[in-house]
Amino acid sequence: MSRRTLNLDDTLYDYVINHSVREHPAQAALREATRTHPYAMMQISPEQGQFMTLLIKLTGARRTIEVGVFTGYSALTVALALPADGRVLACDISDEFTRVGRPFWEQAGVAHKIDLHLAPAASTLDARLAAGEVGHYDFAFIDADKSGYDHYYERCLQLLRPGGLIAIDNTLWSGKVALPATDTDNDTRALQVLNDKLHADERVDLTLLPIGDGLTLARKR
């Protein structure tokens, strides 16, 4: 028993990975391909991916949104967890980054499930709202520019059905969200404001988990 979450040293973290993570070979290969990328720290951890796999299956999700694709590990993870008719609306602005992951989507046989839109995510989400897709989605994952998080959250909340789930990454931001607001940069302050908003938002059921760099789950009521 423990009254608070354990701190994981390298030995215990390796134990978690070795006794939890079940990666498709394409996932492991994509992680390795991204390991030496200059922005490799932007990729989610494998145990977070495993957790997201479970969330997709528990919620029975079929239509999902991803805001911020990077090299495509999380999109691949979600696509693998979806049923045969499932789809990922993947939003990113970088052809260079997403190009890394596309061969691995093909390798895993799920490229047809990932609808990649290379455009500002706000524009893609607004277009879906304008097309009448309010309440048509089951799950959304937000992992992009922090200044845009609130906009993405509001749009995704409209696009999700009641009972749909939004997962928001980096909500602990290496612990910087706990600093006084006067001591933070713009990205940290944006996350602080969002975390305060989410805690008070009665439109959702909420939890903030100390997994990866902080993962907030918001279930639309």
Protein backbone atom coordinates (compact mmCIF):
# COMPACT_ATOMS: atom_id res chain seq x y z
CA MET A 1 0.00 0.00 0.00
CA SER A 2 1.11 3.55 -0.64
CA ARG A 3 -0.46 6.93 -0.05
CA ARG A 4 1.30 8.48 -3.05
CA THR A 5 2.75 7.43 -6.39
CA LEU A 6 6.19 5.84 -6.26
CA ASN A 7 9.23 7.56 -7.67
CA LEU A 8 10.68 5.30 -10.36
CA ASP A 9 14.44 4.80 -10.50
CA ASP A 10 15.94 3.21 -13.61
CA THR A 11 15.68 -0.33 -12.24
CA LEU A 12 12.00 0.00 -11.35
CA TYR A 13 11.22 1.80 -14.61
CA ASP A 14 12.81 -1.04 -16.59
CA TYR A 15 10.71 -3.48 -14.59
CA VAL A 16 7.56 -1.59 -15.55
CA ILE A 17 8.52 -1.66 -19.23
CA ASN A 18 9.44 -5.33 -19.17
CA HIS A 19 6.26 -6.36 -17.39
CA SER A 20 3.75 -4.11 -19.14
CA VAL A 21 4.64 -2.97 -22.64
CA ARG A 22 3.57 -5.16 -25.56
CA GLU A 23 4.73 -3.39 -28.69
CA HIS A 24 4.09 -4.32 -32.29
CA PRO A 25 7.44 -4.68 -34.10
CA ALA A 26 6.64 -1.53 -36.08
CA GLN A 27 6.18 0.43 -32.84
CA ALA A 28 9.54 -0.71 -31.49
CA ALA A 29 11.19 0.07 -34.84
CA LEU A 30 9.67 3.55 -34.97
CA ARG A 31 10.78 4.31 -31.43
CA GLU A 32 14.29 3.28 -32.40
CA ALA A 33 14.16 5.38 -35.57
CA THR A 34 13.13 8.40 -33.48
CA ARG A 35 15.65 7.81 -30.67
CA THR A 36 18.41 9.85 -32.35
CA HIS A 37 16.07 12.57 -33.67
CA PRO A 38 17.01 16.08 -32.46
CA TYR A 39 13.54 16.37 -30.88
CA ALA A 40 13.28 12.78 -29.66
CA MET A 41 12.03 14.01 -26.28
CA MET A 42 8.74 14.92 -27.98
CA GLN A 43 7.81 11.26 -28.43
CA ILE A 44 5.54 9.69 -25.82
CA SER A 45 6.95 6.94 -23.63
CA PRO A 46 6.14 3.30 -24.44
CA GLU A 47 4.24 2.79 -21.19
CA GLN A 48 2.08 5.81 -22.03
CA GLY A 49 1.44 4.28 -25.43
CA GLN A 50 0.46 1.03 -23.73
CA PHE A 51 -1.93 2.94 -21.48
CA MET A 52 -3.49 4.69 -24.48
CA THR A 53 -3.97 1.32 -26.18
CA LEU A 54 -5.96 0.18 -23.18
CA LEU A 55 -8.02 3.39 -23.15
CA ILE A 56 -8.95 2.95 -26.82
CA LYS A 57 -10.10 -0.60 -26.20
CA LEU A 58 -11.93 0.20 -22.96
CA THR A 59 -13.87 3.05 -24.56
CA GLY A 60 -14.64 1.12 -27.73
CA ALA A 61 -13.36 4.06 -29.75
CA ARG A 62 -13.68 4.04 -33.55
CA ARG A 63 -13.21 7.66 -34.60
CA THR A 64 -10.29 9.47 -32.97
CA ILE A 65 -8.38 12.75 -33.22
CA GLU A 66 -4.68 13.37 -32.73
CA VAL A 67 -3.39 16.93 -32.44
CA GLY A 68 0.38 16.81 -32.86
CA VAL A 69 1.77 13.75 -34.63
CA PHE A 70 5.56 14.26 -34.54
CA THR A 71 7.10 11.07 -36.01
CA GLY A 72 3.88 9.12 -35.62
CA TYR A 73 4.36 6.74 -32.68
CA SER A 74 1.15 7.73 -30.88
CA ALA A 75 -0.86 7.70 -34.12
CA LEU A 76 0.50 4.23 -34.85
CA THR A 77 -0.33 3.11 -31.33
CA VAL A 78 -3.92 4.31 -31.55
CA ALA A 79 -4.41 2.93 -35.06
CA LEU A 80 -3.24 -0.51 -33.94
CA ALA A 81 -5.71 -0.45 -31.05
CA LEU A 82 -8.68 0.58 -33.20
CA PRO A 83 -11.03 -1.94 -34.82
CA ALA A 84 -10.81 -2.60 -38.54
CA ASP A 85 -13.15 0.30 -39.36
CA GLY A 86 -11.45 2.74 -36.97
CA ARG A 87 -9.88 5.99 -38.11
CA VAL A 88 -7.41 8.57 -36.75
CA LEU A 89 -7.78 12.21 -37.81
CA ALA A 90 -4.09 13.14 -37.46
CA CYS A 91 -3.22 16.86 -37.38
CA ASP A 92 0.30 18.22 -37.82
CA ILE A 93 2.12 20.91 -39.76
CA SER A 94 5.41 19.08 -40.43
CA ASP A 95 5.87 16.88 -43.46
CA GLU A 96 9.47 16.34 -42.35
CA PHE A 97 8.56 14.88 -38.96
CA THR A 98 5.55 12.83 -40.04
CA ARG A 99 7.46 11.39 -43.00
CA VAL A 100 9.58 9.44 -40.50
CA GLY A 101 6.62 7.44 -39.27
CA ARG A 102 4.72 6.74 -42.47
CA PRO A 103 6.77 3.66 -43.51
CA PHE A 104 6.11 2.16 -40.07
CA TRP A 105 2.38 2.80 -40.42
CA GLU A 106 2.60 0.83 -43.67
CA GLN A 107 4.69 -1.89 -42.02
CA ALA A 108 2.03 -2.34 -39.34
CA GLY A 109 -0.76 -2.44 -41.93
CA VAL A 110 -2.63 0.53 -40.46
CA ALA A 111 -1.71 3.41 -42.80
CA HIS A 112 -5.24 3.33 -44.23
CA LYS A 113 -6.61 4.11 -40.75
CA ILE A 114 -4.59 7.33 -40.36
CA ASP A 115 -5.97 10.39 -42.14
CA LEU A 116 -3.03 12.80 -41.97
CA HIS A 117 -3.78 16.51 -42.41
CA LEU A 118 -0.71 18.71 -42.85
CA ALA A 119 -2.19 22.04 -41.84
CA PRO A 120 -2.63 24.06 -38.64
CA ALA A 121 -4.64 21.84 -36.32
CA ALA A 122 -7.00 24.66 -35.40
CA SER A 123 -8.01 24.98 -39.07
CA THR A 124 -8.50 21.22 -39.44
CA LEU A 125 -10.66 20.99 -36.32
CA ASP A 126 -12.70 24.06 -37.24
CA ALA A 127 -13.32 22.56 -40.68
CA ARG A 128 -14.66 19.39 -39.07
CA LEU A 129 -16.98 21.42 -36.90
CA ALA A 130 -18.17 23.37 -39.95
CA ALA A 131 -18.81 20.06 -41.72
CA GLY A 132 -21.28 19.08 -39.01
CA GLU A 133 -19.15 16.55 -37.17
CA VAL A 134 -20.09 17.71 -33.67
CA GLY A 135 -20.31 14.65 -31.40
CA HIS A 136 -18.92 12.27 -34.04
CA TYR A 137 -15.64 11.31 -32.32
CA ASP A 138 -14.82 8.99 -29.42
CA PHE A 139 -11.29 9.90 -28.37
CA ALA A 140 -8.80 12.74 -28.80
CA PHE A 141 -5.12 13.05 -27.94
CA ILE A 142 -3.60 16.53 -27.67
CA ASP A 143 0.21 16.79 -27.79
CA ALA A 144 1.20 19.91 -29.72
CA ASP A 145 2.10 23.57 -29.15
CA LYS A 146 1.19 24.45 -25.59
CA SER A 147 -0.16 27.91 -26.42
CA GLY A 148 -2.80 26.23 -28.58
CA TYR A 149 -3.91 23.63 -26.03
CA ASP A 150 -6.98 25.51 -24.85
CA HIS A 151 -8.22 26.01 -28.42
CA TYR A 152 -7.64 22.35 -29.25
CA TYR A 153 -9.38 21.25 -26.07
CA GLU A 154 -12.47 23.34 -26.77
CA ARG A 155 -12.71 22.10 -30.38
CA CYS A 156 -12.14 18.48 -29.44
CA LEU A 157 -14.73 18.72 -26.69
CA GLN A 158 -17.30 19.78 -29.27
CA LEU A 159 -16.28 17.04 -31.68
CA LEU A 160 -16.48 14.29 -29.05
CA ARG A 161 -19.66 12.43 -28.19
CA PRO A 162 -20.90 12.39 -24.58
CA GLY A 163 -18.74 9.81 -22.84
CA GLY A 164 -15.85 10.51 -25.22
CA LEU A 165 -12.37 10.92 -23.79
CA ILE A 166 -9.71 13.60 -24.29
CA ALA A 167 -6.11 12.78 -23.30
CA ILE A 168 -3.87 15.84 -22.92
CA ASP A 169 -0.10 15.32 -22.78
CA ASN A 170 2.62 17.26 -20.93
CA THR A 171 0.32 18.64 -18.26
CA LEU A 172 3.06 18.38 -15.60
CA TRP A 173 5.68 19.90 -17.96
CA SER A 174 8.74 18.53 -16.13
CA GLY A 175 7.29 19.84 -12.88
CA LYS A 176 7.36 23.47 -14.01
CA VAL A 177 3.58 23.86 -13.70
CA ALA A 178 4.03 23.85 -9.91
CA LEU A 179 6.25 26.95 -10.01
CA PRO A 180 4.86 30.41 -9.20
CA ALA A 181 3.31 31.97 -12.30
CA THR A 182 5.76 34.86 -12.10
CA ASP A 183 8.67 32.44 -12.57
CA THR A 184 7.40 30.66 -15.70
CA ASP A 185 7.71 30.98 -19.48
CA ASN A 186 4.76 31.30 -21.85
CA ASP A 187 4.34 27.56 -22.47
CA THR A 188 4.38 26.78 -18.76
CA ARG A 189 1.90 29.55 -18.01
CA ALA A 190 -0.43 28.29 -20.76
CA LEU A 191 -0.41 24.85 -19.14
CA GLN A 192 -0.98 26.31 -15.68
CA VAL A 193 -4.00 28.23 -16.92
CA LEU A 194 -5.35 25.16 -18.72
CA ASN A 195 -4.85 22.91 -15.68
CA ASP A 196 -6.75 25.39 -13.50
CA LYS A 197 -9.52 25.59 -16.09
CA LEU A 198 -9.82 21.82 -16.43
CA HIS A 199 -9.99 21.31 -12.67
CA ALA A 200 -13.02 23.60 -12.53
CA ASP A 201 -14.64 22.45 -15.80
CA GLU A 202 -17.97 20.80 -14.94
CA ARG A 203 -18.43 19.65 -18.54
CA VAL A 204 -15.98 16.80 -17.93
CA ASP A 205 -14.91 14.16 -15.44
CA LEU A 206 -11.20 14.61 -14.83
CA THR A 207 -7.97 13.07 -13.62
CA LEU A 208 -4.34 14.17 -13.99
CA LEU A 209 -1.97 11.20 -13.98
CA PRO A 210 1.80 11.29 -13.30
CA ILE A 211 2.57 9.19 -16.37
CA GLY A 212 5.17 10.39 -18.86
CA ASP A 213 5.29 14.18 -18.53
CA GLY A 214 1.80 14.30 -17.05
CA LEU A 215 -1.34 13.01 -18.78
CA THR A 216 -4.74 14.56 -18.13
CA LEU A 217 -7.85 12.56 -18.98
CA ALA A 218 -11.11 14.46 -19.45
CA ARG A 219 -14.32 12.48 -20.08
CA LYS A 220 -17.10 14.49 -21.67
CA ARG A 221 -20.25 14.36 -19.58
